[in-house]
Amino acid sequence: MSNLLKFVQDEFVAKKDFPEFNAGDTITVYYEIKEGEKTRTQFFKGVVIQKRGSGVTETFTIRKMSGAVGVERIFPVNMPALQKIEVNQRGKVRRARIFYFRELTGKKAKIKERRR
C-alpha cells in the first residue's frame, strides 16, 4: 500500500524548484491571494523556525515580528499558491527546530549569519 502511495505522489504531484533552506535562515515567500475574482501576490519575510515532514507532506514554519507581536505562518511546500522562495540570509543555528527563538527579544533574537 505504501508503494502505491509513493508512486502516486511521485508521478502526479508537481514538484517545484525552490532553493534549499534550513532552520535559522531568513527567507521571503511569495504566494498568491485570491480576493473575489482578483488575484495578487503577497510576500511573507521571516526566520524559518522548523521544517517538518517529507515529500508531498513537507511543511515549514516562518516567524516574523509585526510591530511588537510575533506572527508565525505554516506553509506546505507543495501549496499551489506558492510562487517563489528567496533565501535572504543563511543563519547559524545548532538545532533543526528553534522554538526557543519565540521567547527571545532585542539583540538576543539576532541569528548570526553562516559563512561559506
PDB file of N, CA and C in Angstrom:
ATOM      1  N   MET A   1       0.819  -1.195   0.000  1.00  0.00           N
ATOM      2  CA  MET A   1       0.000   0.000   0.000  1.00  0.00           C
ATOM      3  C   MET A   1       0.864   1.261   0.000  1.00  0.00           C
ATOM      4  N   SER A   2       1.925   1.241   0.798  1.00  0.00           N
ATOM      5  CA  SER A   2       2.784   2.418   0.850  1.00  0.00           C
ATOM      6  C   SER A   2       3.503   2.651  -0.475  1.00  0.00           C
ATOM      7  N   ASN A   3       3.810   1.545  -1.194  1.00  0.00           N
ATOM      8  CA  ASN A   3       4.430   1.688  -2.503  1.00  0.00           C
ATOM      9  C   ASN A   3       3.500   2.388  -3.478  1.00  0.00           C
ATOM     10  N   LEU A   4       2.200   2.090  -3.389  1.00  0.00           N
ATOM     11  CA  LEU A   4       1.212   2.722  -4.257  1.00  0.00           C
ATOM     12  C   LEU A   4       1.105   4.215  -3.952  1.00  0.00           C
ATOM     13  N   LEU A   5       1.074   4.559  -2.669  1.00  0.00           N
ATOM     14  CA  LEU A   5       1.028   5.978  -2.278  1.00  0.00           C
ATOM     15  C   LEU A   5       2.254   6.721  -2.770  1.00  0.00           C
ATOM     16  N   LYS A   6       3.409   6.123  -2.599  1.00  0.00           N
ATOM     17  CA  LYS A   6       4.653   6.754  -3.042  1.00  0.00           C
ATOM     18  C   LYS A   6       4.654   6.937  -4.558  1.00  0.00           C
ATOM     19  N   PHE A   7       4.155   5.941  -5.293  1.00  0.00           N
ATOM     20  CA  PHE A   7       4.100   6.032  -6.750  1.00  0.00           C
ATOM     21  C   PHE A   7       3.198   7.185  -7.191  1.00  0.00           C
ATOM     22  N   VAL A   8       2.020   7.279  -6.581  1.00  0.00           N
ATOM     23  CA  VAL A   8       1.071   8.342  -6.950  1.00  0.00           C
ATOM     24  C   VAL A   8       1.653   9.712  -6.618  1.00  0.00           C
ATOM     25  N   GLN A   9       2.273   9.858  -5.466  1.00  0.00           N
ATOM     26  CA  GLN A   9       2.861  11.140  -5.080  1.00  0.00           C
ATOM     27  C   GLN A   9       3.984  11.535  -6.025  1.00  0.00           C
ATOM     28  N   ASP A  10       4.815  10.592  -6.413  1.00  0.00           N
ATOM     29  CA  ASP A  10       5.937  10.895  -7.297  1.00  0.00           C
ATOM     30  C   ASP A  10       5.474  11.247  -8.705  1.00  0.00           C
ATOM     31  N   GLU A  11       4.433  10.570  -9.189  1.00  0.00           N
ATOM     32  CA  GLU A  11       4.002  10.743 -10.576  1.00  0.00           C
ATOM     33  C   GLU A  11       3.101  11.954 -10.778  1.00  0.00           C
ATOM     34  N   PHE A  12       2.154  12.174  -9.871  1.00  0.00           N
ATOM     35  CA  PHE A  12       1.087  13.131 -10.149  1.00  0.00           C
ATOM     36  C   PHE A  12       1.202  14.465  -9.427  1.00  0.00           C
ATOM     37  N   VAL A  13       2.023  14.552  -8.416  1.00  0.00           N
ATOM     38  CA  VAL A  13       2.190  15.822  -7.715  1.00  0.00           C
ATOM     39  C   VAL A  13       3.361  16.565  -8.338  1.00  0.00           C
ATOM     40  N   ALA A  14       3.078  17.769  -8.815  1.00  0.00           N
ATOM     41  CA  ALA A  14       4.119  18.567  -9.490  1.00  0.00           C
ATOM     42  C   ALA A  14       5.112  19.102  -8.466  1.00  0.00           C
ATOM     43  N   LYS A  15       6.389  18.840  -8.698  1.00  0.00           N
ATOM     44  CA  LYS A  15       7.438  19.345  -7.812  1.00  0.00           C
ATOM     45  C   LYS A  15       7.878  20.719  -8.289  1.00  0.00           C
ATOM     46  N   LYS A  16       8.022  21.648  -7.369  1.00  0.00           N
ATOM     47  CA  LYS A  16       8.510  22.976  -7.699  1.00  0.00           C
ATOM     48  C   LYS A  16       9.975  23.075  -7.303  1.00  0.00           C
ATOM     49  N   ASP A  17      10.724  23.872  -8.040  1.00  0.00           N
ATOM     50  CA  ASP A  17      12.140  24.055  -7.742  1.00  0.00           C
ATOM     51  C   ASP A  17      12.318  25.252  -6.821  1.00  0.00           C
ATOM     52  N   PHE A  18      12.467  24.977  -5.534  1.00  0.00           N
ATOM     53  CA  PHE A  18      12.726  26.015  -4.563  1.00  0.00           C
ATOM     54  C   PHE A  18      14.145  25.846  -4.050  1.00  0.00           C
ATOM     55  N   PRO A  19      14.792  26.933  -3.638  1.00  0.00           N
ATOM     56  CA  PRO A  19      16.152  26.797  -3.106  1.00  0.00           C
ATOM     57  C   PRO A  19      16.155  26.031  -1.784  1.00  0.00           C
ATOM     58  N   GLU A  20      17.281  25.458  -1.459  1.00  0.00           N
ATOM     59  CA  GLU A  20      17.436  24.716  -0.207  1.00  0.00           C
ATOM     60  C   GLU A  20      17.576  25.704   0.946  1.00  0.00           C
ATOM     61  N   PHE A  21      16.822  25.487   2.013  1.00  0.00           N
ATOM     62  CA  PHE A  21      16.919  26.328   3.206  1.00  0.00           C
ATOM     63  C   PHE A  21      16.670  25.471   4.431  1.00  0.00           C
ATOM     64  N   ASN A  22      17.134  25.961   5.574  1.00  0.00           N
ATOM     65  CA  ASN A  22      17.014  25.228   6.828  1.00  0.00           C
ATOM     66  C   ASN A  22      16.551  26.169   7.930  1.00  0.00           C
ATOM     67  N   ALA A  23      16.411  25.631   9.127  1.00  0.00           N
ATOM     68  CA  ALA A  23      16.028  26.439  10.280  1.00  0.00           C
ATOM     69  C   ALA A  23      17.092  27.493  10.535  1.00  0.00           C
ATOM     70  N   GLY A  24      16.667  28.696  10.874  1.00  0.00           N
ATOM     71  CA  GLY A  24      17.587  29.795  11.129  1.00  0.00           C
ATOM     72  C   GLY A  24      17.780  30.708   9.937  1.00  0.00           C
ATOM     73  N   ASP A  25      17.408  30.250   8.742  1.00  0.00           N
ATOM     74  CA  ASP A  25      17.552  31.081   7.549  1.00  0.00           C
ATOM     75  C   ASP A  25      16.426  32.105   7.481  1.00  0.00           C
ATOM     76  N   THR A  26      16.745  33.281   6.984  1.00  0.00           N
ATOM     77  CA  THR A  26      15.732  34.304   6.735  1.00  0.00           C
ATOM     78  C   THR A  26      15.325  34.195   5.272  1.00  0.00           C
ATOM     79  N   ILE A  27      14.029  33.964   5.050  1.00  0.00           N
ATOM     80  CA  ILE A  27      13.550  33.784   3.680  1.00  0.00           C
ATOM     81  C   ILE A  27      12.348  34.682   3.415  1.00  0.00           C
ATOM     82  N   THR A  28      12.086  34.905   2.138  1.00  0.00           N
ATOM     83  CA  THR A  28      10.895  35.618   1.702  1.00  0.00           C
ATOM     84  C   THR A  28      10.080  34.654   0.846  1.00  0.00           C
ATOM     85  N   VAL A  29       8.815  34.469   1.218  1.00  0.00           N
ATOM     86  CA  VAL A  29       7.924  33.576   0.488  1.00  0.00           C
ATOM     87  C   VAL A  29       6.894  34.429  -0.244  1.00  0.00           C
ATOM     88  N   TYR A  30       6.816  34.256  -1.546  1.00  0.00           N
ATOM     89  CA  TYR A  30       5.811  34.943  -2.358  1.00  0.00           C
ATOM     90  C   TYR A  30       4.696  33.959  -2.655  1.00  0.00           C
ATOM     91  N   TYR A  31       3.442  34.364  -2.332  1.00  0.00           N
ATOM     92  CA  TYR A  31       2.313  33.488  -2.559  1.00  0.00           C
ATOM     93  C   TYR A  31       1.138  34.293  -3.088  1.00  0.00           C
ATOM     94  N   GLU A  32       0.257  33.601  -3.776  1.00  0.00           N
ATOM     95  CA  GLU A  32      -0.867  34.227  -4.450  1.00  0.00           C
ATOM     96  C   GLU A  32      -2.087  34.232  -3.542  1.00  0.00           C
ATOM     97  N   ILE A  33      -2.806  35.372  -3.539  1.00  0.00           N
ATOM     98  CA  ILE A  33      -4.016  35.501  -2.738  1.00  0.00           C
ATOM     99  C   ILE A  33      -5.167  35.843  -3.674  1.00  0.00           C
ATOM    100  N   LYS A  34      -6.294  35.155  -3.511  1.00  0.00           N
ATOM    101  CA  LYS A  34      -7.486  35.463  -4.297  1.00  0.00           C
ATOM    102  C   LYS A  34      -8.433  36.281  -3.446  1.00  0.00           C
ATOM    103  N   GLU A  35      -8.850  37.415  -3.986  1.00  0.00           N
ATOM    104  CA  GLU A  35      -9.847  38.257  -3.328  1.00  0.00           C
ATOM    105  C   GLU A  35     -10.968  38.473  -4.324  1.00  0.00           C
ATOM    106  N   GLY A  36     -12.038  37.713  -4.178  1.00  0.00           N
ATOM    107  CA  GLY A  36     -13.111  37.761  -5.171  1.00  0.00           C
ATOM    108  C   GLY A  36     -12.627  37.135  -6.455  1.00  0.00           C
ATOM    109  N   GLU A  37     -12.642  37.927  -7.550  1.00  0.00           N
ATOM    110  CA  GLU A  37     -12.121  37.432  -8.818  1.00  0.00           C
ATOM    111  C   GLU A  37     -10.684  37.874  -9.062  1.00  0.00           C
ATOM    112  N   LYS A  38     -10.184  38.786  -8.249  1.00  0.00           N
ATOM    113  CA  LYS A  38      -8.823  39.294  -8.429  1.00  0.00           C
ATOM    114  C   LYS A  38      -7.819  38.401  -7.700  1.00  0.00           C
ATOM    115  N   THR A  39      -6.618  38.331  -8.253  1.00  0.00           N
ATOM    116  CA  THR A  39      -5.526  37.645  -7.569  1.00  0.00           C
ATOM    117  C   THR A  39      -4.357  38.607  -7.470  1.00  0.00           C
ATOM    118  N   ARG A  40      -3.661  38.530  -6.349  1.00  0.00           N
ATOM    119  CA  ARG A  40      -2.478  39.367  -6.156  1.00  0.00           C
ATOM    120  C   ARG A  40      -1.419  38.556  -5.435  1.00  0.00           C
ATOM    121  N   THR A  41      -0.190  39.025  -5.556  1.00  0.00           N
ATOM    122  CA  THR A  41       0.931  38.352  -4.910  1.00  0.00           C
ATOM    123  C   THR A  41       1.281  39.075  -3.622  1.00  0.00           C
ATOM    124  N   GLN A  42       1.423  38.311  -2.555  1.00  0.00           N
ATOM    125  CA  GLN A  42       1.813  38.868  -1.261  1.00  0.00           C
ATOM    126  C   GLN A  42       3.060  38.134  -0.806  1.00  0.00           C
ATOM    127  N   PHE A  43       3.881  38.795  -0.004  1.00  0.00           N
ATOM    128  CA  PHE A  43       5.079  38.120   0.487  1.00  0.00           C
ATOM    129  C   PHE A  43       5.085  38.095   2.004  1.00  0.00           C
ATOM    130  N   PHE A  44       5.807  37.132   2.537  1.00  0.00           N
ATOM    131  CA  PHE A  44       5.960  36.947   3.979  1.00  0.00           C
ATOM    132  C   PHE A  44       7.435  36.713   4.226  1.00  0.00           C
ATOM    133  N   LYS A  45       8.090  37.643   4.921  1.00  0.00           N
ATOM    134  CA  LYS A  45       9.533  37.554   5.165  1.00  0.00           C
ATOM    135  C   LYS A  45       9.771  37.311   6.645  1.00  0.00           C
ATOM    136  N   GLY A  46      10.532  36.258   6.947  1.00  0.00           N
ATOM    137  CA  GLY A  46      10.819  35.951   8.334  1.00  0.00           C
ATOM    138  C   GLY A  46      11.856  34.852   8.464  1.00  0.00           C
ATOM    139  N   VAL A  47      12.038  34.390   9.691  1.00  0.00           N
ATOM    140  CA  VAL A  47      13.031  33.361  10.020  1.00  0.00           C
ATOM    141  C   VAL A  47      12.345  32.004  10.030  1.00  0.00           C
ATOM    142  N   VAL A  48      12.981  31.021   9.419  1.00  0.00           N
ATOM    143  CA  VAL A  48      12.447  29.660   9.413  1.00  0.00           C
ATOM    144  C   VAL A  48      12.673  29.056  10.790  1.00  0.00           C
ATOM    145  N   ILE A  49      11.588  28.656  11.435  1.00  0.00           N
ATOM    146  CA  ILE A  49      11.675  28.055  12.766  1.00  0.00           C
ATOM    147  C   ILE A  49      11.841  26.543  12.661  1.00  0.00           C
ATOM    148  N   GLN A  50      11.146  25.931  11.696  1.00  0.00           N
ATOM    149  CA  GLN A  50      11.254  24.488  11.549  1.00  0.00           C
ATOM    150  C   GLN A  50      10.865  24.060  10.148  1.00  0.00           C
ATOM    151  N   LYS A  51      11.397  22.906   9.758  1.00  0.00           N
ATOM    152  CA  LYS A  51      10.932  22.188   8.573  1.00  0.00           C
ATOM    153  C   LYS A  51      10.437  20.838   9.070  1.00  0.00           C
ATOM    154  N   ARG A  52       9.319  20.396   8.540  1.00  0.00           N
ATOM    155  CA  ARG A  52       8.709  19.179   9.057  1.00  0.00           C
ATOM    156  C   ARG A  52       8.152  18.349   7.904  1.00  0.00           C
ATOM    157  N   GLY A  53       8.213  17.044   8.030  1.00  0.00           N
ATOM    158  CA  GLY A  53       7.656  16.147   7.029  1.00  0.00           C
ATOM    159  C   GLY A  53       8.629  15.886   5.903  1.00  0.00           C
ATOM    160  N   SER A  54       8.158  15.128   4.912  1.00  0.00           N
ATOM    161  CA  SER A  54       8.996  14.823   3.763  1.00  0.00           C
ATOM    162  C   SER A  54       8.097  14.587   2.559  1.00  0.00           C
ATOM    163  N   GLY A  55       8.653  14.802   1.389  1.00  0.00           N
ATOM    164  CA  GLY A  55       7.902  14.552   0.161  1.00  0.00           C
ATOM    165  C   GLY A  55       6.749  15.518  -0.010  1.00  0.00           C
ATOM    166  N   VAL A  56       5.570  14.978  -0.248  1.00  0.00           N
ATOM    167  CA  VAL A  56       4.387  15.785  -0.522  1.00  0.00           C
ATOM    168  C   VAL A  56       3.898  16.505   0.730  1.00  0.00           C
ATOM    169  N   THR A  57       4.106  15.915   1.884  1.00  0.00           N
ATOM    170  CA  THR A  57       3.560  16.473   3.124  1.00  0.00           C
ATOM    171  C   THR A  57       4.527  17.405   3.839  1.00  0.00           C
ATOM    172  N   GLU A  58       5.586  17.836   3.181  1.00  0.00           N
ATOM    173  CA  GLU A  58       6.581  18.690   3.830  1.00  0.00           C
ATOM    174  C   GLU A  58       6.031  20.100   4.056  1.00  0.00           C
ATOM    175  N   THR A  59       6.265  20.630   5.256  1.00  0.00           N
ATOM    176  CA  THR A  59       5.856  21.996   5.594  1.00  0.00           C
ATOM    177  C   THR A  59       7.021  22.716   6.260  1.00  0.00           C
ATOM    178  N   PHE A  60       6.930  24.045   6.281  1.00  0.00           N
ATOM    179  CA  PHE A  60       7.907  24.835   7.021  1.00  0.00           C
ATOM    180  C   PHE A  60       7.188  25.990   7.698  1.00  0.00           C
ATOM    181  N   THR A  61       7.718  26.396   8.855  1.00  0.00           N
ATOM    182  CA  THR A  61       7.125  27.463   9.658  1.00  0.00           C
ATOM    183  C   THR A  61       8.045  28.669   9.644  1.00  0.00           C
ATOM    184  N   ILE A  62       7.453  29.835   9.396  1.00  0.00           N
ATOM    185  CA  ILE A  62       8.208  31.088   9.370  1.00  0.00           C
ATOM    186  C   ILE A  62       7.669  32.001  10.454  1.00  0.00           C
ATOM    187  N   ARG A  63       8.573  32.705  11.119  1.00  0.00           N
ATOM    188  CA  ARG A  63       8.191  33.654  12.167  1.00  0.00           C
ATOM    189  C   ARG A  63       8.746  35.024  11.837  1.00  0.00           C
ATOM    190  N   LYS A  64       7.902  36.045  11.977  1.00  0.00           N
ATOM    191  CA  LYS A  64       8.352  37.427  11.811  1.00  0.00           C
ATOM    192  C   LYS A  64       7.732  38.273  12.908  1.00  0.00           C
ATOM    193  N   MET A  65       8.329  39.413  13.130  1.00  0.00           N
ATOM    194  CA  MET A  65       7.799  40.356  14.105  1.00  0.00           C
ATOM    195  C   MET A  65       7.022  41.429  13.352  1.00  0.00           C
ATOM    196  N   SER A  66       5.776  41.626  13.737  1.00  0.00           N
ATOM    197  CA  SER A  66       4.942  42.677  13.169  1.00  0.00           C
ATOM    198  C   SER A  66       4.673  43.660  14.294  1.00  0.00           C
ATOM    199  N   GLY A  67       5.484  44.704  14.350  1.00  0.00           N
ATOM    200  CA  GLY A  67       5.443  45.613  15.491  1.00  0.00           C
ATOM    201  C   GLY A  67       6.041  44.906  16.684  1.00  0.00           C
ATOM    202  N   ALA A  68       5.266  44.771  17.765  1.00  0.00           N
ATOM    203  CA  ALA A  68       5.749  44.064  18.947  1.00  0.00           C
ATOM    204  C   ALA A  68       5.144  42.668  19.050  1.00  0.00           C
ATOM    205  N   VAL A  69       4.405  42.267  18.023  1.00  0.00           N
ATOM    206  CA  VAL A  69       3.703  40.992  18.046  1.00  0.00           C
ATOM    207  C   VAL A  69       4.387  40.019  17.093  1.00  0.00           C
ATOM    208  N   GLY A  70       4.654  38.804  17.570  1.00  0.00           N
ATOM    209  CA  GLY A  70       5.241  37.774  16.717  1.00  0.00           C
ATOM    210  C   GLY A  70       4.157  37.081  15.909  1.00  0.00           C
ATOM    211  N   VAL A  71       4.414  36.905  14.603  1.00  0.00           N
ATOM    212  CA  VAL A  71       3.459  36.255  13.717  1.00  0.00           C
ATOM    213  C   VAL A  71       4.137  35.044  13.094  1.00  0.00           C
ATOM    214  N   GLU A  72       3.488  33.899  13.181  1.00  0.00           N
ATOM    215  CA  GLU A  72       4.022  32.682  12.573  1.00  0.00           C
ATOM    216  C   GLU A  72       3.053  32.191  11.524  1.00  0.00           C
ATOM    217  N   ARG A  73       3.622  31.622  10.469  1.00  0.00           N
ATOM    218  CA  ARG A  73       2.799  31.089   9.397  1.00  0.00           C
ATOM    219  C   ARG A  73       3.402  29.769   8.931  1.00  0.00           C
ATOM    220  N   ILE A  74       2.547  28.784   8.698  1.00  0.00           N
ATOM    221  CA  ILE A  74       2.986  27.473   8.235  1.00  0.00           C
ATOM    222  C   ILE A  74       2.641  27.352   6.757  1.00  0.00           C
ATOM    223  N   PHE A  75       3.644  27.016   5.955  1.00  0.00           N
ATOM    224  CA  PHE A  75       3.456  26.855   4.513  1.00  0.00           C
ATOM    225  C   PHE A  75       3.728  25.406   4.116  1.00  0.00           C
ATOM    226  N   PRO A  76       2.798  24.763   3.408  1.00  0.00           N
ATOM    227  CA  PRO A  76       3.132  23.479   2.776  1.00  0.00           C
ATOM    228  C   PRO A  76       4.022  23.743   1.559  1.00  0.00           C
ATOM    229  N   VAL A  77       5.020  22.921   1.345  1.00  0.00           N
ATOM    230  CA  VAL A  77       5.942  23.121   0.230  1.00  0.00           C
ATOM    231  C   VAL A  77       5.223  22.963  -1.105  1.00  0.00           C
ATOM    232  N   ASN A  78       4.257  22.053  -1.169  1.00  0.00           N
ATOM    233  CA  ASN A  78       3.550  21.799  -2.422  1.00  0.00           C
ATOM    234  C   ASN A  78       2.263  22.597  -2.566  1.00  0.00           C
ATOM    235  N   MET A  79       2.121  23.691  -1.843  1.00  0.00           N
ATOM    236  CA  MET A  79       0.937  24.528  -1.963  1.00  0.00           C
ATOM    237  C   MET A  79       0.910  25.164  -3.360  1.00  0.00           C
ATOM    238  N   PRO A  80      -0.190  25.041  -4.096  1.00  0.00           N
ATOM    239  CA  PRO A  80      -0.235  25.593  -5.453  1.00  0.00           C
ATOM    240  C   PRO A  80      -0.068  27.110  -5.493  1.00  0.00           C
ATOM    241  N   ALA A  81      -0.436  27.802  -4.428  1.00  0.00           N
ATOM    242  CA  ALA A  81      -0.365  29.262  -4.415  1.00  0.00           C
ATOM    243  C   ALA A  81       1.063  29.783  -4.238  1.00  0.00           C
ATOM    244  N   LEU A  82       1.998  28.932  -3.811  1.00  0.00           N
ATOM    245  CA  LEU A  82       3.390  29.376  -3.646  1.00  0.00           C
ATOM    246  C   LEU A  82       3.996  29.689  -5.005  1.00  0.00           C
ATOM    247  N   GLN A  83       4.550  30.888  -5.137  1.00  0.00           N
ATOM    248  CA  GLN A  83       5.154  31.266  -6.413  1.00  0.00           C
ATOM    249  C   GLN A  83       6.666  31.142  -6.377  1.00  0.00           C
ATOM    250  N   LYS A  84       7.291  31.735  -5.349  1.00  0.00           N
ATOM    251  CA  LYS A  84       8.745  31.604  -5.262  1.00  0.00           C
ATOM    252  C   LYS A  84       9.198  31.822  -3.832  1.00  0.00           C
ATOM    253  N   ILE A  85      10.389  31.310  -3.554  1.00  0.00           N
ATOM    254  CA  ILE A  85      11.021  31.465  -2.245  1.00  0.00           C
ATOM    255  C   ILE A  85      12.409  32.023  -2.476  1.00  0.00           C
ATOM    256  N   GLU A  86      12.727  33.097  -1.759  1.00  0.00           N
ATOM    257  CA  GLU A  86      14.066  33.686  -1.821  1.00  0.00           C
ATOM    258  C   GLU A  86      14.745  33.512  -0.474  1.00  0.00           C
ATOM    259  N   VAL A  87      15.990  33.075  -0.487  1.00  0.00           N
ATOM    260  CA  VAL A  87      16.770  32.975   0.738  1.00  0.00           C
ATOM    261  C   VAL A  87      17.545  34.279   0.875  1.00  0.00           C
ATOM    262  N   ASN A  88      17.206  35.074   1.897  1.00  0.00           N
ATOM    263  CA  ASN A  88      17.846  36.367   2.104  1.00  0.00           C
ATOM    264  C   ASN A  88      19.139  36.256   2.896  1.00  0.00           C
ATOM    265  N   GLN A  89      19.139  35.380   3.913  1.00  0.00           N
ATOM    266  CA  GLN A  89      20.305  35.247   4.785  1.00  0.00           C
ATOM    267  C   GLN A  89      20.339  33.834   5.349  1.00  0.00           C
ATOM    268  N   ARG A  90      21.514  33.239   5.347  1.00  0.00           N
ATOM    269  CA  ARG A  90      21.682  31.914   5.946  1.00  0.00           C
ATOM    270  C   ARG A  90      22.017  32.102   7.412  1.00  0.00           C
ATOM    271  N   GLY A  91      21.314  31.386   8.281  1.00  0.00           N
ATOM    272  CA  GLY A  91      21.529  31.534   9.709  1.00  0.00           C
ATOM    273  C   GLY A  91      22.352  30.403  10.290  1.00  0.00           C
ATOM    274  N   LYS A  92      23.112  30.717  11.325  1.00  0.00           N
ATOM    275  CA  LYS A  92      23.936  29.718  12.003  1.00  0.00           C
ATOM    276  C   LYS A  92      23.239  29.328  13.301  1.00  0.00           C
ATOM    277  N   VAL A  93      22.595  28.166  13.297  1.00  0.00           N
ATOM    278  CA  VAL A  93      21.934  27.637  14.491  1.00  0.00           C
ATOM    279  C   VAL A  93      22.345  26.183  14.662  1.00  0.00           C
ATOM    280  N   ARG A  94      22.195  25.680  15.876  1.00  0.00           N
ATOM    281  CA  ARG A  94      22.641  24.321  16.177  1.00  0.00           C
ATOM    282  C   ARG A  94      21.505  23.309  16.179  1.00  0.00           C
ATOM    283  N   ARG A  95      20.285  23.770  16.054  1.00  0.00           N
ATOM    284  CA  ARG A  95      19.141  22.872  16.140  1.00  0.00           C
ATOM    285  C   ARG A  95      18.313  22.910  14.872  1.00  0.00           C
ATOM    286  N   ALA A  96      17.534  21.878  14.659  1.00  0.00           N
ATOM    287  CA  ALA A  96      16.669  21.800  13.488  1.00  0.00           C
ATOM    288  C   ALA A  96      15.348  22.514  13.730  1.00  0.00           C
ATOM    289  N   ARG A  97      14.968  22.650  14.982  1.00  0.00           N
ATOM    290  CA  ARG A  97      13.725  23.346  15.333  1.00  0.00           C
ATOM    291  C   ARG A  97      14.056  24.350  16.425  1.00  0.00           C
ATOM    292  N   ILE A  98      13.940  25.616  16.106  1.00  0.00           N
ATOM    293  CA  ILE A  98      14.404  26.651  17.030  1.00  0.00           C
ATOM    294  C   ILE A  98      13.222  27.342  17.712  1.00  0.00           C
ATOM    295  N   PHE A  99      12.474  26.556  18.495  1.00  0.00           N
ATOM    296  CA  PHE A  99      11.325  27.101  19.204  1.00  0.00           C
ATOM    297  C   PHE A  99      11.740  28.062  20.312  1.00  0.00           C
ATOM    298  N   TYR A 100      12.979  27.969  20.781  1.00  0.00           N
ATOM    299  CA  TYR A 100      13.454  28.883  21.810  1.00  0.00           C
ATOM    300  C   TYR A 100      13.501  30.318  21.274  1.00  0.00           C
ATOM    301  N   PHE A 101      13.485  30.467  19.979  1.00  0.00           N
ATOM    302  CA  PHE A 101      13.546  31.776  19.328  1.00  0.00           C
ATOM    303  C   PHE A 101      12.304  32.613  19.655  1.00  0.00           C
ATOM    304  N   ARG A 102      11.202  31.955  20.023  1.00  0.00           N
ATOM    305  CA  ARG A 102       9.952  32.659  20.328  1.00  0.00           C
ATOM    306  C   ARG A 102      10.075  33.535  21.570  1.00  0.00           C
ATOM    307  N   GLU A 103      10.856  33.107  22.543  1.00  0.00           N
ATOM    308  CA  GLU A 103      10.965  33.847  23.803  1.00  0.00           C
ATOM    309  C   GLU A 103      12.026  34.943  23.761  1.00  0.00           C
ATOM    310  N   LEU A 104      12.870  34.964  22.742  1.00  0.00           N
ATOM    311  CA  LEU A 104      13.962  35.923  22.686  1.00  0.00           C
ATOM    312  C   LEU A 104      13.478  37.271  22.172  1.00  0.00           C
ATOM    313  N   THR A 105      14.037  38.342  22.778  1.00  0.00           N
ATOM    314  CA  THR A 105      13.697  39.694  22.340  1.00  0.00           C
ATOM    315  C   THR A 105      14.974  40.516  22.223  1.00  0.00           C
ATOM    316  N   GLY A 106      14.907  41.587  21.472  1.00  0.00           N
ATOM    317  CA  GLY A 106      16.033  42.505  21.354  1.00  0.00           C
ATOM    318  C   GLY A 106      17.210  41.895  20.630  1.00  0.00           C
ATOM    319  N   LYS A 107      18.419  42.172  21.143  1.00  0.00           N
ATOM    320  CA  LYS A 107      19.637  41.696  20.494  1.00  0.00           C
ATOM    321  C   LYS A 107      19.794  40.184  20.589  1.00  0.00           C
ATOM    322  N   LYS A 108      19.170  39.578  21.591  1.00  0.00           N
ATOM    323  CA  LYS A 108      19.262  38.127  21.747  1.00  0.00           C
ATOM    324  C   LYS A 108      18.552  37.404  20.605  1.00  0.00           C
ATOM    325  N   ALA A 109      17.597  38.074  19.984  1.00  0.00           N
ATOM    326  CA  ALA A 109      16.819  37.456  18.911  1.00  0.00           C
ATOM    327  C   ALA A 109      17.519  37.545  17.561  1.00  0.00           C
ATOM    328  N   LYS A 110      18.771  37.977  17.562  1.00  0.00           N
ATOM    329  CA  LYS A 110      19.524  38.075  16.315  1.00  0.00           C
ATOM    330  C   LYS A 110      20.233  36.747  16.058  1.00  0.00           C
ATOM    331  N   ILE A 111      20.113  36.245  14.847  1.00  0.00           N
ATOM    332  CA  ILE A 111      20.776  34.996  14.474  1.00  0.00           C
ATOM    333  C   ILE A 111      22.004  35.346  13.638  1.00  0.00           C
ATOM    334  N   LYS A 112      23.143  34.770  14.021  1.00  0.00           N
ATOM    335  CA  LYS A 112      24.378  35.049  13.284  1.00  0.00           C
ATOM    336  C   LYS A 112      24.292  34.475  11.884  1.00  0.00           C
ATOM    337  N   GLU A 113      24.990  35.152  10.955  1.00  0.00           N
ATOM    338  CA  GLU A 113      24.993  34.695   9.582  1.00  0.00           C
ATOM    339  C   GLU A 113      26.018  33.590   9.411  1.00  0.00           C
ATOM    340  N   ARG A 114      25.637  32.559   8.660  1.00  0.00           N
ATOM    341  CA  ARG A 114      26.538  31.442   8.400  1.00  0.00           C
ATOM    342  C   ARG A 114      27.474  31.809   7.250  1.00  0.00           C
ATOM    343  N   ARG A 115      28.748  31.620   7.496  1.00  0.00           N
ATOM    344  CA  ARG A 115      29.757  31.906   6.470  1.00  0.00           C
ATOM    345  C   ARG A 115      29.944  30.711   5.580  1.00  0.00           C
ATOM    346  N   ARG A 116      30.297  30.960   4.333  1.00  0.00           N
ATOM    347  CA  ARG A 116      30.533  29.849   3.401  1.00  0.00           C
ATOM    348  C   ARG A 116      31.992  29.658   3.156  1.00  0.00           C
TER     349      ARG A 116
END
